[in-house]
Amino acid sequence: ADIYLNSMFSILDNNIFIPETYNIDTKQCVSCKYPLRPELVESSYFLYQSTKNGLYLDKMWKFLKDINDTARVDCGFATINNINNFKLDNGMESFMLSETLKYFYLLFDVDNQWNNKNLIFTTEGHMIDMDIAHKYWHQNKKFNNKNFYKKYNWWNIQSNIQKVFRKLHNEQKLYYQEWNSSK
């Protein structure tokens, strides 16, 4: 993971932002848009939590300053349409708020309560207490039940994930609002 992240840092050092598509051979961006994606910050957060290597803090502090200096607009942040000339798009993806800024917060506020818990973050930005999730999963699975694999097979996964979210929400371990199609 460290080798991969360092290769991303190399791209970042040469381009200020991570382009959507990058040609490793020519060291040029192919699609030069940067929609403020969270993956680099997220990876840096998890590796920093694992290693406490200050390099991740240093690189991400510079990255945060570059985002703020380049993409900050009156109403939030704008997608960088071209990382070569810093032309901005007229919009901001929701993951900038729900993930990118969240991982910056978690990375730099090292004493926050969330860094000391056994949490996993879903792709939608929900924090799940893994101790509770494991407990719930193990209480509900029945290896001796012949229908177990049918119940937890891939085509039932969405309903099972929703059950876990509802259970965690009811135990006030997760703030989750189920989408209601009638609204």
Protein backbone atom coordinates (compact mmCIF):
# COMPACT_ATOMS: atom_id res chain seq x y z
CA ALA A 1 0.00 0.00 0.00
CA ASP A 2 2.86 2.33 0.84
CA ILE A 3 4.50 1.79 -2.57
CA TYR A 4 1.21 2.46 -4.36
CA LEU A 5 0.57 5.61 -2.34
CA ASN A 6 4.08 6.89 -2.99
CA SER A 7 3.51 6.46 -6.73
CA MET A 8 0.34 8.54 -6.34
CA PHE A 9 2.35 11.16 -4.43
CA SER A 10 4.79 11.27 -7.35
CA ILE A 11 1.91 12.05 -9.72
CA LEU A 12 0.64 14.63 -7.23
CA ASP A 13 4.06 16.27 -6.96
CA ASN A 14 4.25 16.65 -10.75
CA ASN A 15 0.65 17.75 -11.33
CA ILE A 16 -0.60 19.29 -8.05
CA PHE A 17 -3.80 17.23 -8.44
CA ILE A 18 -4.53 13.62 -9.40
CA PRO A 19 -6.04 13.52 -12.91
CA GLU A 20 -8.92 11.21 -13.73
CA THR A 21 -6.74 9.27 -16.21
CA TYR A 22 -2.96 9.22 -16.21
CA ASN A 23 -0.52 7.57 -18.65
CA ILE A 24 2.31 6.09 -16.58
CA ASP A 25 4.58 5.63 -19.61
CA THR A 26 4.39 9.24 -20.84
CA LYS A 27 3.82 10.70 -17.37
CA GLN A 28 0.99 12.82 -18.77
CA CYS A 29 -2.63 13.15 -17.85
CA VAL A 30 -5.05 11.78 -20.42
CA SER A 31 -8.21 13.08 -18.82
CA CYS A 32 -7.04 16.10 -16.85
CA LYS A 33 -10.16 16.65 -14.75
CA TYR A 34 -10.03 16.33 -10.95
CA PRO A 35 -13.52 16.17 -9.40
CA LEU A 36 -12.14 16.36 -5.82
CA ARG A 37 -12.20 12.59 -5.30
CA PRO A 38 -11.54 11.19 -1.80
CA GLU A 39 -9.44 8.11 -2.57
CA LEU A 40 -5.99 9.66 -2.10
CA VAL A 41 -6.97 11.32 1.18
CA GLU A 42 -8.75 8.16 2.35
CA SER A 43 -5.70 5.99 1.61
CA SER A 44 -3.42 8.48 3.33
CA TYR A 45 -5.71 8.48 6.38
CA PHE A 46 -5.70 4.70 6.73
CA LEU A 47 -1.95 4.39 6.16
CA TYR A 48 -1.27 7.18 8.63
CA GLN A 49 -3.47 5.42 11.19
CA SER A 50 -1.49 2.22 10.62
CA THR A 51 2.04 3.64 10.49
CA LYS A 52 1.93 7.13 12.08
CA ASN A 53 4.33 8.17 9.30
CA GLY A 54 4.32 11.98 9.21
CA LEU A 55 4.89 11.93 5.43
CA TYR A 56 1.16 11.31 4.97
CA LEU A 57 0.30 14.36 7.06
CA ASP A 58 2.79 16.54 5.18
CA LYS A 59 1.61 15.45 1.72
CA MET A 60 -2.07 15.78 2.59
CA TRP A 61 -1.60 19.19 4.24
CA LYS A 62 -0.10 20.51 1.01
CA PHE A 63 -2.87 18.78 -0.98
CA LEU A 64 -5.56 20.35 1.22
CA LYS A 65 -3.99 23.80 0.82
CA ASP A 66 -3.81 23.32 -2.97
CA ILE A 67 -7.47 22.29 -3.12
CA ASN A 68 -8.48 25.24 -0.98
CA ASP A 69 -6.37 27.71 -2.96
CA THR A 70 -7.53 26.41 -6.35
CA ALA A 71 -11.04 25.01 -6.05
CA ARG A 72 -12.58 27.10 -3.27
CA VAL A 73 -15.54 29.21 -4.46
CA ASP A 74 -18.17 31.27 -2.65
CA CYS A 75 -20.57 28.36 -2.21
CA GLY A 76 -18.09 25.54 -1.50
CA PHE A 77 -15.62 23.92 -3.86
CA ALA A 78 -15.68 23.44 -7.62
CA THR A 79 -14.48 20.50 -9.66
CA ILE A 80 -11.18 21.26 -11.36
CA ASN A 81 -11.98 20.81 -15.03
CA ASN A 82 -8.34 20.90 -16.12
CA ILE A 83 -5.41 20.40 -13.74
CA ASN A 84 -3.02 22.02 -16.22
CA ASN A 85 -4.68 25.44 -16.30
CA PHE A 86 -6.84 25.13 -13.13
CA LYS A 87 -10.04 25.90 -15.02
CA LEU A 88 -12.99 25.19 -12.73
CA ASP A 89 -16.24 23.46 -13.54
CA ASN A 90 -19.58 24.80 -12.38
CA GLY A 91 -20.31 22.14 -9.79
CA MET A 92 -19.12 20.06 -6.89
CA GLU A 93 -19.67 16.32 -6.45
CA SER A 94 -21.34 15.36 -3.17
CA PHE A 95 -18.42 13.09 -2.22
CA MET A 96 -16.28 16.20 -1.68
CA LEU A 97 -18.32 16.94 1.44
CA SER A 98 -19.26 13.42 2.51
CA GLU A 99 -15.86 11.80 2.03
CA THR A 100 -12.95 14.00 0.95
CA LEU A 101 -13.39 16.63 3.66
CA LYS A 102 -14.32 13.96 6.23
CA TYR A 103 -11.02 12.14 5.63
CA PHE A 104 -9.09 15.42 5.83
CA TYR A 105 -10.78 16.10 9.18
CA LEU A 106 -10.04 12.61 10.51
CA LEU A 107 -6.45 12.78 9.28
CA PHE A 108 -5.59 16.13 10.85
CA ASP A 109 -7.64 15.95 14.04
CA VAL A 110 -5.59 13.07 15.39
CA ASP A 111 -7.21 13.24 18.84
CA ASN A 112 -10.80 12.96 17.65
CA GLN A 113 -12.93 10.19 19.14
CA TRP A 114 -13.39 8.34 15.84
CA ASN A 115 -9.70 7.50 15.44
CA ASN A 116 -9.76 5.43 18.63
CA LYS A 117 -12.65 3.17 17.65
CA ASN A 118 -12.86 0.00 15.59
CA LEU A 119 -14.71 1.62 12.70
CA ILE A 120 -15.05 0.98 9.03
CA PHE A 121 -16.39 3.54 6.61
CA THR A 122 -18.82 2.57 3.87
CA THR A 123 -18.53 4.04 0.40
CA GLU A 124 -21.44 6.30 1.29
CA GLY A 125 -19.55 7.77 4.23
CA HIS A 126 -21.37 5.92 7.04
CA MET A 127 -19.26 4.95 10.05
CA ILE A 128 -19.93 1.42 11.24
CA ASP A 129 -18.70 0.11 14.58
CA MET A 130 -17.14 -3.21 13.57
CA ASP A 131 -17.56 -4.75 17.02
CA ILE A 132 -21.32 -4.26 16.76
CA ALA A 133 -21.42 -5.36 13.11
CA HIS A 134 -19.49 -8.57 13.89
CA LYS A 135 -21.71 -9.30 16.88
CA TYR A 136 -24.85 -8.82 14.81
CA TRP A 137 -23.52 -10.90 11.91
CA HIS A 138 -22.47 -13.80 14.13
CA GLN A 139 -25.76 -13.78 16.05
CA ASN A 140 -27.74 -14.06 12.82
CA LYS A 141 -25.76 -16.50 10.73
CA LYS A 142 -26.53 -20.18 11.07
CA PHE A 143 -23.85 -22.39 9.51
CA ASN A 144 -25.88 -25.47 10.28
CA ASN A 145 -28.86 -24.05 8.42
CA LYS A 146 -29.01 -25.35 4.83
CA ASN A 147 -30.67 -22.09 3.75
CA PHE A 148 -27.84 -19.92 5.11
CA TYR A 149 -26.05 -19.61 1.77
CA LYS A 150 -29.29 -18.84 -0.03
CA LYS A 151 -30.16 -16.18 2.54
CA TYR A 152 -26.76 -14.48 2.38
CA ASN A 153 -26.03 -14.98 -1.30
CA TRP A 154 -25.18 -12.02 -3.54
CA TRP A 155 -28.76 -11.43 -4.72
CA ASN A 156 -29.89 -10.90 -1.13
CA ILE A 157 -26.97 -8.78 -0.04
CA GLN A 158 -28.75 -5.42 -0.36
CA SER A 159 -31.60 -6.40 1.96
CA ASN A 160 -29.13 -7.88 4.45
CA ILE A 161 -27.01 -4.72 4.43
CA GLN A 162 -30.14 -2.68 5.07
CA LYS A 163 -30.99 -4.98 8.02
CA VAL A 164 -27.52 -4.41 9.48
CA PHE A 165 -27.85 -0.62 9.00
CA ARG A 166 -31.31 -0.62 10.63
CA LYS A 167 -30.02 -2.69 13.55
CA LEU A 168 -27.02 -0.39 14.07
CA HIS A 169 -29.25 2.67 13.75
CA ASN A 170 -31.71 1.28 16.31
CA GLU A 171 -28.82 0.69 18.70
CA GLN A 172 -27.75 4.30 18.03
CA LYS A 173 -24.39 3.12 16.67
CA LEU A 174 -25.02 4.50 13.19
CA TYR A 175 -26.99 7.45 11.95
CA TYR A 176 -28.73 5.95 8.96
CA GLN A 177 -31.86 7.06 7.21
CA GLU A 178 -33.28 4.56 4.81
CA TRP A 179 -34.25 6.03 1.49
CA ASN A 180 -38.01 5.98 1.12
CA SER A 181 -39.27 5.82 -2.47
CA SER A 182 -42.66 7.20 -1.46
CA LYS A 183 -41.16 10.63 -0.66
